[in-house]
PDB file of N, CA and C in Angstrom:
ATOM      1  N   UNK A   1       0.828  -1.188   0.000  1.00  0.00           N
ATOM      2  CA  UNK A   1       0.000   0.000   0.000  1.00  0.00           C
ATOM      3  C   UNK A   1       0.877   1.259   0.000  1.00  0.00           C
ATOM      4  N   UNK A   2       2.010   1.224   0.656  1.00  0.00           N
ATOM      5  CA  UNK A   2       2.897   2.356   0.737  1.00  0.00           C
ATOM      6  C   UNK A   2       3.475   2.689  -0.642  1.00  0.00           C
ATOM      7  N   UNK A   3       3.760   1.656  -1.460  1.00  0.00           N
ATOM      8  CA  UNK A   3       4.267   1.874  -2.807  1.00  0.00           C
ATOM      9  C   UNK A   3       3.226   2.576  -3.684  1.00  0.00           C
ATOM     10  N   UNK A   4       1.969   2.213  -3.529  1.00  0.00           N
ATOM     11  CA  UNK A   4       0.891   2.810  -4.301  1.00  0.00           C
ATOM     12  C   UNK A   4       0.769   4.297  -3.986  1.00  0.00           C
ATOM     13  N   UNK A   5       0.915   4.668  -2.733  1.00  0.00           N
ATOM     14  CA  UNK A   5       0.822   6.064  -2.305  1.00  0.00           C
ATOM     15  C   UNK A   5       1.963   6.882  -2.912  1.00  0.00           C
ATOM     16  N   UNK A   6       3.174   6.329  -2.905  1.00  0.00           N
ATOM     17  CA  UNK A   6       4.332   7.018  -3.479  1.00  0.00           C
ATOM     18  C   UNK A   6       4.161   7.199  -4.989  1.00  0.00           C
ATOM     19  N   UNK A   7       3.604   6.188  -5.636  1.00  0.00           N
ATOM     20  CA  UNK A   7       3.389   6.256  -7.075  1.00  0.00           C
ATOM     21  C   UNK A   7       2.396   7.369  -7.420  1.00  0.00           C
ATOM     22  N   UNK A   8       1.320   7.470  -6.652  1.00  0.00           N
ATOM     23  CA  UNK A   8       0.322   8.522  -6.884  1.00  0.00           C
ATOM     24  C   UNK A   8       0.925   9.900  -6.651  1.00  0.00           C
ATOM     25  N   UNK A   9       1.740  10.038  -5.617  1.00  0.00           N
ATOM     26  CA  UNK A   9       2.373  11.326  -5.324  1.00  0.00           C
ATOM     27  C   UNK A   9       3.344  11.708  -6.446  1.00  0.00           C
ATOM     28  N   UNK A  10       4.073  10.716  -6.963  1.00  0.00           N
ATOM     29  CA  UNK A  10       5.016  10.972  -8.045  1.00  0.00           C
ATOM     30  C   UNK A  10       4.266  11.403  -9.305  1.00  0.00           C
ATOM     31  N   UNK A  11       3.173  10.723  -9.628  1.00  0.00           N
ATOM     32  CA  UNK A  11       2.367  11.092 -10.790  1.00  0.00           C
ATOM     33  C   UNK A  11       1.832  12.508 -10.644  1.00  0.00           C
ATOM     34  N   UNK A  12       1.398  12.847  -9.459  1.00  0.00           N
ATOM     35  CA  UNK A  12       0.849  14.166  -9.193  1.00  0.00           C
ATOM     36  C   UNK A  12       1.930  15.239  -9.362  1.00  0.00           C
ATOM     37  N   UNK A  13       3.112  14.971  -8.837  1.00  0.00           N
ATOM     38  CA  UNK A  13       4.210  15.928  -8.945  1.00  0.00           C
ATOM     39  C   UNK A  13       4.627  16.126 -10.394  1.00  0.00           C
ATOM     40  N   UNK A  14       4.716  15.056 -11.147  1.00  0.00           N
ATOM     41  CA  UNK A  14       5.104  15.152 -12.557  1.00  0.00           C
ATOM     42  C   UNK A  14       4.043  15.903 -13.351  1.00  0.00           C
ATOM     43  N   UNK A  15       2.784  15.628 -13.077  1.00  0.00           N
ATOM     44  CA  UNK A  15       1.701  16.322 -13.770  1.00  0.00           C
ATOM     45  C   UNK A  15       1.733  17.821 -13.454  1.00  0.00           C
ATOM     46  N   UNK A  16       2.001  18.184 -12.211  1.00  0.00           N
ATOM     47  CA  UNK A  16       2.056  19.594 -11.833  1.00  0.00           C
ATOM     48  C   UNK A  16       3.247  20.291 -12.504  1.00  0.00           C
ATOM     49  N   UNK A  17       4.387  19.627 -12.581  1.00  0.00           N
ATOM     50  CA  UNK A  17       5.555  20.219 -13.244  1.00  0.00           C
ATOM     51  C   UNK A  17       5.298  20.389 -14.738  1.00  0.00           C
ATOM     52  N   UNK A  18       4.656  19.404 -15.361  1.00  0.00           N
ATOM     53  CA  UNK A  18       4.347  19.493 -16.788  1.00  0.00           C
ATOM     54  C   UNK A  18       3.380  20.641 -17.053  1.00  0.00           C
ATOM     55  N   UNK A  19       2.381  20.785 -16.207  1.00  0.00           N
ATOM     56  CA  UNK A  19       1.420  21.871 -16.348  1.00  0.00           C
ATOM     57  C   UNK A  19       2.107  23.226 -16.162  1.00  0.00           C
ATOM     58  N   UNK A  20       2.975  23.312 -15.168  1.00  0.00           N
ATOM     59  CA  UNK A  20       3.713  24.551 -14.936  1.00  0.00           C
ATOM     60  C   UNK A  20       4.602  24.912 -16.111  1.00  0.00           C
ATOM     61  N   UNK A  21       5.277  23.925 -16.669  1.00  0.00           N
ATOM     62  CA  UNK A  21       6.150  24.176 -17.827  1.00  0.00           C
ATOM     63  C   UNK A  21       5.331  24.625 -19.031  1.00  0.00           C
ATOM     64  N   UNK A  22       4.177  24.023 -19.225  1.00  0.00           N
ATOM     65  CA  UNK A  22       3.300  24.405 -20.332  1.00  0.00           C
ATOM     66  C   UNK A  22       2.824  25.847 -20.168  1.00  0.00           C
ATOM     67  N   UNK A  23       2.367  26.194 -18.984  1.00  0.00           N
ATOM     68  CA  UNK A  23       1.877  27.552 -18.738  1.00  0.00           C
ATOM     69  C   UNK A  23       2.996  28.575 -18.866  1.00  0.00           C
ATOM     70  N   UNK A  24       4.188  28.232 -18.423  1.00  0.00           N
ATOM     71  CA  UNK A  24       5.338  29.128 -18.553  1.00  0.00           C
ATOM     72  C   UNK A  24       5.669  29.380 -20.023  1.00  0.00           C
ATOM     73  N   UNK A  25       5.649  28.335 -20.838  1.00  0.00           N
ATOM     74  CA  UNK A  25       5.980  28.495 -22.257  1.00  0.00           C
ATOM     75  C   UNK A  25       4.905  29.292 -22.984  1.00  0.00           C
ATOM     76  N   UNK A  26       3.650  29.125 -22.590  1.00  0.00           N
ATOM     77  CA  UNK A  26       2.572  29.883 -23.217  1.00  0.00           C
ATOM     78  C   UNK A  26       2.728  31.366 -22.899  1.00  0.00           C
ATOM     79  N   UNK A  27       3.025  31.686 -21.658  1.00  0.00           N
ATOM     80  CA  UNK A  27       3.167  33.098 -21.288  1.00  0.00           C
ATOM     81  C   UNK A  27       4.414  33.708 -21.937  1.00  0.00           C
ATOM     82  N   UNK A  28       5.463  32.934 -22.108  1.00  0.00           N
ATOM     83  CA  UNK A  28       6.671  33.445 -22.753  1.00  0.00           C
ATOM     84  C   UNK A  28       6.393  33.752 -24.223  1.00  0.00           C
ATOM     85  N   UNK A  29       5.600  32.917 -24.878  1.00  0.00           N
ATOM     86  CA  UNK A  29       5.263  33.163 -26.282  1.00  0.00           C
ATOM     87  C   UNK A  29       4.349  34.374 -26.424  1.00  0.00           C
ATOM     88  N   UNK A  30       3.493  34.615 -25.449  1.00  0.00           N
ATOM     89  CA  UNK A  30       2.567  35.740 -25.520  1.00  0.00           C
ATOM     90  C   UNK A  30       3.308  37.066 -25.385  1.00  0.00           C
ATOM     91  N   UNK A  31       4.437  37.080 -24.709  1.00  0.00           N
ATOM     92  CA  UNK A  31       5.182  38.319 -24.495  1.00  0.00           C
ATOM     93  C   UNK A  31       6.151  38.626 -25.624  1.00  0.00           C
ATOM     94  N   UNK A  32       6.323  37.703 -26.541  1.00  0.00           N
ATOM     95  CA  UNK A  32       7.249  37.899 -27.643  1.00  0.00           C
ATOM     96  C   UNK A  32       6.712  38.983 -28.575  1.00  0.00           C
ATOM     97  N   UNK A  33       7.565  39.935 -28.955  1.00  0.00           N
ATOM     98  CA  UNK A  33       7.131  41.020 -29.825  1.00  0.00           C
ATOM     99  C   UNK A  33       6.946  40.492 -31.240  1.00  0.00           C
ATOM    100  N   UNK A  34       5.891  40.930 -31.912  1.00  0.00           N
ATOM    101  CA  UNK A  34       5.695  40.481 -33.301  1.00  0.00           C
ATOM    102  C   UNK A  34       6.755  41.088 -34.202  1.00  0.00           C
ATOM    103  N   UNK A  35       7.207  40.311 -35.142  1.00  0.00           N
ATOM    104  CA  UNK A  35       8.235  40.778 -36.060  1.00  0.00           C
ATOM    105  C   UNK A  35       7.610  41.716 -37.081  1.00  0.00           C
ATOM    106  N   UNK A  36       8.298  42.824 -37.343  1.00  0.00           N
ATOM    107  CA  UNK A  36       7.796  43.777 -38.321  1.00  0.00           C
ATOM    108  C   UNK A  36       8.227  43.334 -39.711  1.00  0.00           C
ATOM    109  N   UNK A  37       7.280  43.426 -40.625  1.00  0.00           N
ATOM    110  CA  UNK A  37       7.574  43.051 -41.995  1.00  0.00           C
ATOM    111  C   UNK A  37       8.333  44.178 -42.674  1.00  0.00           C
ATOM    112  N   UNK A  38       9.307  43.804 -43.489  1.00  0.00           N
ATOM    113  CA  UNK A  38      10.061  44.802 -44.233  1.00  0.00           C
ATOM    114  C   UNK A  38       9.237  45.233 -45.444  1.00  0.00           C
ATOM    115  N   UNK A  39       9.130  46.530 -45.613  1.00  0.00           N
ATOM    116  CA  UNK A  39       8.397  47.047 -46.758  1.00  0.00           C
ATOM    117  C   UNK A  39       9.337  47.130 -47.952  1.00  0.00           C
ATOM    118  N   UNK A  40       8.811  46.786 -49.087  1.00  0.00           N
ATOM    119  CA  UNK A  40       9.610  46.849 -50.305  1.00  0.00           C
ATOM    120  C   UNK A  40       9.798  48.307 -50.698  1.00  0.00           C
ATOM    121  N   UNK A  41      11.003  48.642 -51.063  1.00  0.00           N
ATOM    122  CA  UNK A  41      11.281  50.002 -51.505  1.00  0.00           C
ATOM    123  C   UNK A  41      10.802  50.149 -52.932  1.00  0.00           C
ATOM    124  N   UNK A  42       9.932  51.119 -53.154  1.00  0.00           N
ATOM    125  CA  UNK A  42       9.422  51.317 -54.509  1.00  0.00           C
ATOM    126  C   UNK A  42      10.150  52.440 -55.221  1.00  0.00           C
ATOM    127  N   UNK A  43      10.698  53.379 -54.465  1.00  0.00           N
ATOM    128  CA  UNK A  43      11.396  54.485 -55.088  1.00  0.00           C
ATOM    129  C   UNK A  43      12.847  54.517 -54.624  1.00  0.00           C
ATOM    130  N   UNK A  44      13.716  54.827 -55.545  1.00  0.00           N
ATOM    131  CA  UNK A  44      15.120  54.972 -55.201  1.00  0.00           C
ATOM    132  C   UNK A  44      15.372  56.449 -54.948  1.00  0.00           C
ATOM    133  N   UNK A  45      16.009  56.751 -53.861  1.00  0.00           N
ATOM    134  CA  UNK A  45      16.342  58.145 -53.607  1.00  0.00           C
ATOM    135  C   UNK A  45      17.645  58.461 -54.326  1.00  0.00           C
ATOM    136  N   UNK A  46      17.660  59.569 -54.997  1.00  0.00           N
ATOM    137  CA  UNK A  46      18.817  59.942 -55.801  1.00  0.00           C
ATOM    138  C   UNK A  46      19.486  61.159 -55.210  1.00  0.00           C
ATOM    139  N   UNK A  47      20.793  61.173 -55.262  1.00  0.00           N
ATOM    140  CA  UNK A  47      21.549  62.320 -54.768  1.00  0.00           C
ATOM    141  C   UNK A  47      21.514  63.442 -55.807  1.00  0.00           C
ATOM    142  N   UNK A  48      21.904  64.614 -55.368  1.00  0.00           N
ATOM    143  CA  UNK A  48      21.924  65.775 -56.274  1.00  0.00           C
ATOM    144  C   UNK A  48      22.891  65.539 -57.438  1.00  0.00           C
ATOM    145  N   UNK A  49      24.024  64.892 -57.125  1.00  0.00           N
ATOM    146  CA  UNK A  49      25.016  64.634 -58.169  1.00  0.00           C
ATOM    147  C   UNK A  49      24.449  63.702 -59.236  1.00  0.00           C
ATOM    148  N   UNK A  50      23.684  62.697 -58.806  1.00  0.00           N
ATOM    149  CA  UNK A  50      23.088  61.771 -59.770  1.00  0.00           C
ATOM    150  C   UNK A  50      22.039  62.479 -60.626  1.00  0.00           C
ATOM    151  N   UNK A  51      21.291  63.380 -60.014  1.00  0.00           N
ATOM    152  CA  UNK A  51      20.265  64.104 -60.768  1.00  0.00           C
ATOM    153  C   UNK A  51      20.898  65.054 -61.784  1.00  0.00           C
ATOM    154  N   UNK A  52      22.001  65.669 -61.407  1.00  0.00           N
ATOM    155  CA  UNK A  52      22.674  66.605 -62.307  1.00  0.00           C
ATOM    156  C   UNK A  52      23.324  65.882 -63.487  1.00  0.00           C
ATOM    157  N   UNK A  53      23.678  64.616 -63.289  1.00  0.00           N
ATOM    158  CA  UNK A  53      24.352  63.854 -64.335  1.00  0.00           C
ATOM    159  C   UNK A  53      23.390  63.370 -65.412  1.00  0.00           C
ATOM    160  N   UNK A  54      22.116  63.602 -65.244  1.00  0.00           N
ATOM    161  CA  UNK A  54      21.129  63.127 -66.221  1.00  0.00           C
ATOM    162  C   UNK A  54      21.223  63.939 -67.516  1.00  0.00           C
ATOM    163  N   UNK A  55      21.189  63.224 -68.605  1.00  0.00           N
ATOM    164  CA  UNK A  55      21.166  63.859 -69.921  1.00  0.00           C
ATOM    165  C   UNK A  55      19.969  63.320 -70.684  1.00  0.00           C
ATOM    166  N   UNK A  56      19.792  63.759 -71.882  1.00  0.00           N
ATOM    167  CA  UNK A  56      18.653  63.296 -72.683  1.00  0.00           C
ATOM    168  C   UNK A  56      18.791  61.810 -73.030  1.00  0.00           C
ATOM    169  N   UNK A  57      20.031  61.321 -73.100  1.00  0.00           N
ATOM    170  CA  UNK A  57      20.253  59.923 -73.464  1.00  0.00           C
ATOM    171  C   UNK A  57      19.904  58.967 -72.326  1.00  0.00           C
ATOM    172  N   UNK A  58      20.086  59.404 -71.092  1.00  0.00           N
ATOM    173  CA  UNK A  58      19.824  58.526 -69.949  1.00  0.00           C
ATOM    174  C   UNK A  58      18.339  58.541 -69.634  1.00  0.00           C
ATOM    175  N   UNK A  59      17.749  57.357 -69.595  1.00  0.00           N
ATOM    176  CA  UNK A  59      16.306  57.289 -69.316  1.00  0.00           C
ATOM    177  C   UNK A  59      15.983  56.336 -68.156  1.00  0.00           C
ATOM    178  N   UNK A  60      16.975  55.661 -67.621  1.00  0.00           N
ATOM    179  CA  UNK A  60      16.725  54.688 -66.554  1.00  0.00           C
ATOM    180  C   UNK A  60      17.237  55.219 -65.216  1.00  0.00           C
ATOM    181  N   UNK A  61      16.858  54.532 -64.133  1.00  0.00           N
ATOM    182  CA  UNK A  61      17.355  54.867 -62.792  1.00  0.00           C
ATOM    183  C   UNK A  61      16.827  56.196 -62.318  1.00  0.00           C
ATOM    184  N   UNK A  62      17.713  57.056 -61.858  1.00  0.00           N
ATOM    185  CA  UNK A  62      17.322  58.349 -61.299  1.00  0.00           C
ATOM    186  C   UNK A  62      16.839  59.313 -62.374  1.00  0.00           C
ATOM    187  N   UNK A  63      17.239  59.064 -63.600  1.00  0.00           N
ATOM    188  CA  UNK A  63      16.885  59.979 -64.670  1.00  0.00           C
ATOM    189  C   UNK A  63      15.482  59.698 -65.229  1.00  0.00           C
ATOM    190  N   UNK A  64      14.875  58.616 -64.823  1.00  0.00           N
ATOM    191  CA  UNK A  64      13.535  58.274 -65.305  1.00  0.00           C
ATOM    192  C   UNK A  64      12.547  59.284 -64.731  1.00  0.00           C
ATOM    193  N   UNK A  65      11.626  59.716 -65.560  1.00  0.00           N
ATOM    194  CA  UNK A  65      10.623  60.680 -65.093  1.00  0.00           C
ATOM    195  C   UNK A  65       9.594  59.957 -64.253  1.00  0.00           C
ATOM    196  N   UNK A  66       9.256  60.578 -63.157  1.00  0.00           N
ATOM    197  CA  UNK A  66       8.261  59.990 -62.262  1.00  0.00           C
ATOM    198  C   UNK A  66       6.954  60.736 -62.463  1.00  0.00           C
ATOM    199  N   UNK A  67       5.877  59.988 -62.580  1.00  0.00           N
ATOM    200  CA  UNK A  67       4.580  60.639 -62.782  1.00  0.00           C
ATOM    201  C   UNK A  67       3.737  60.594 -61.542  1.00  0.00           C
TER     202      UNK A  67
END
């Protein structure tokens, strides 16, 4: 009978530790900050030197007309 009591106590202790570990991991995941998505760059910023270098022949990159 004494062995049965120890077995029940051991099962109870293991179940409580498993429950505690589960609850701890859930709360840790809830506090994690959401990752911010990187936005795709649609426009290239051009320096003054690049803008001045534009001629009639250049039509791509910074020299392209934006509408």
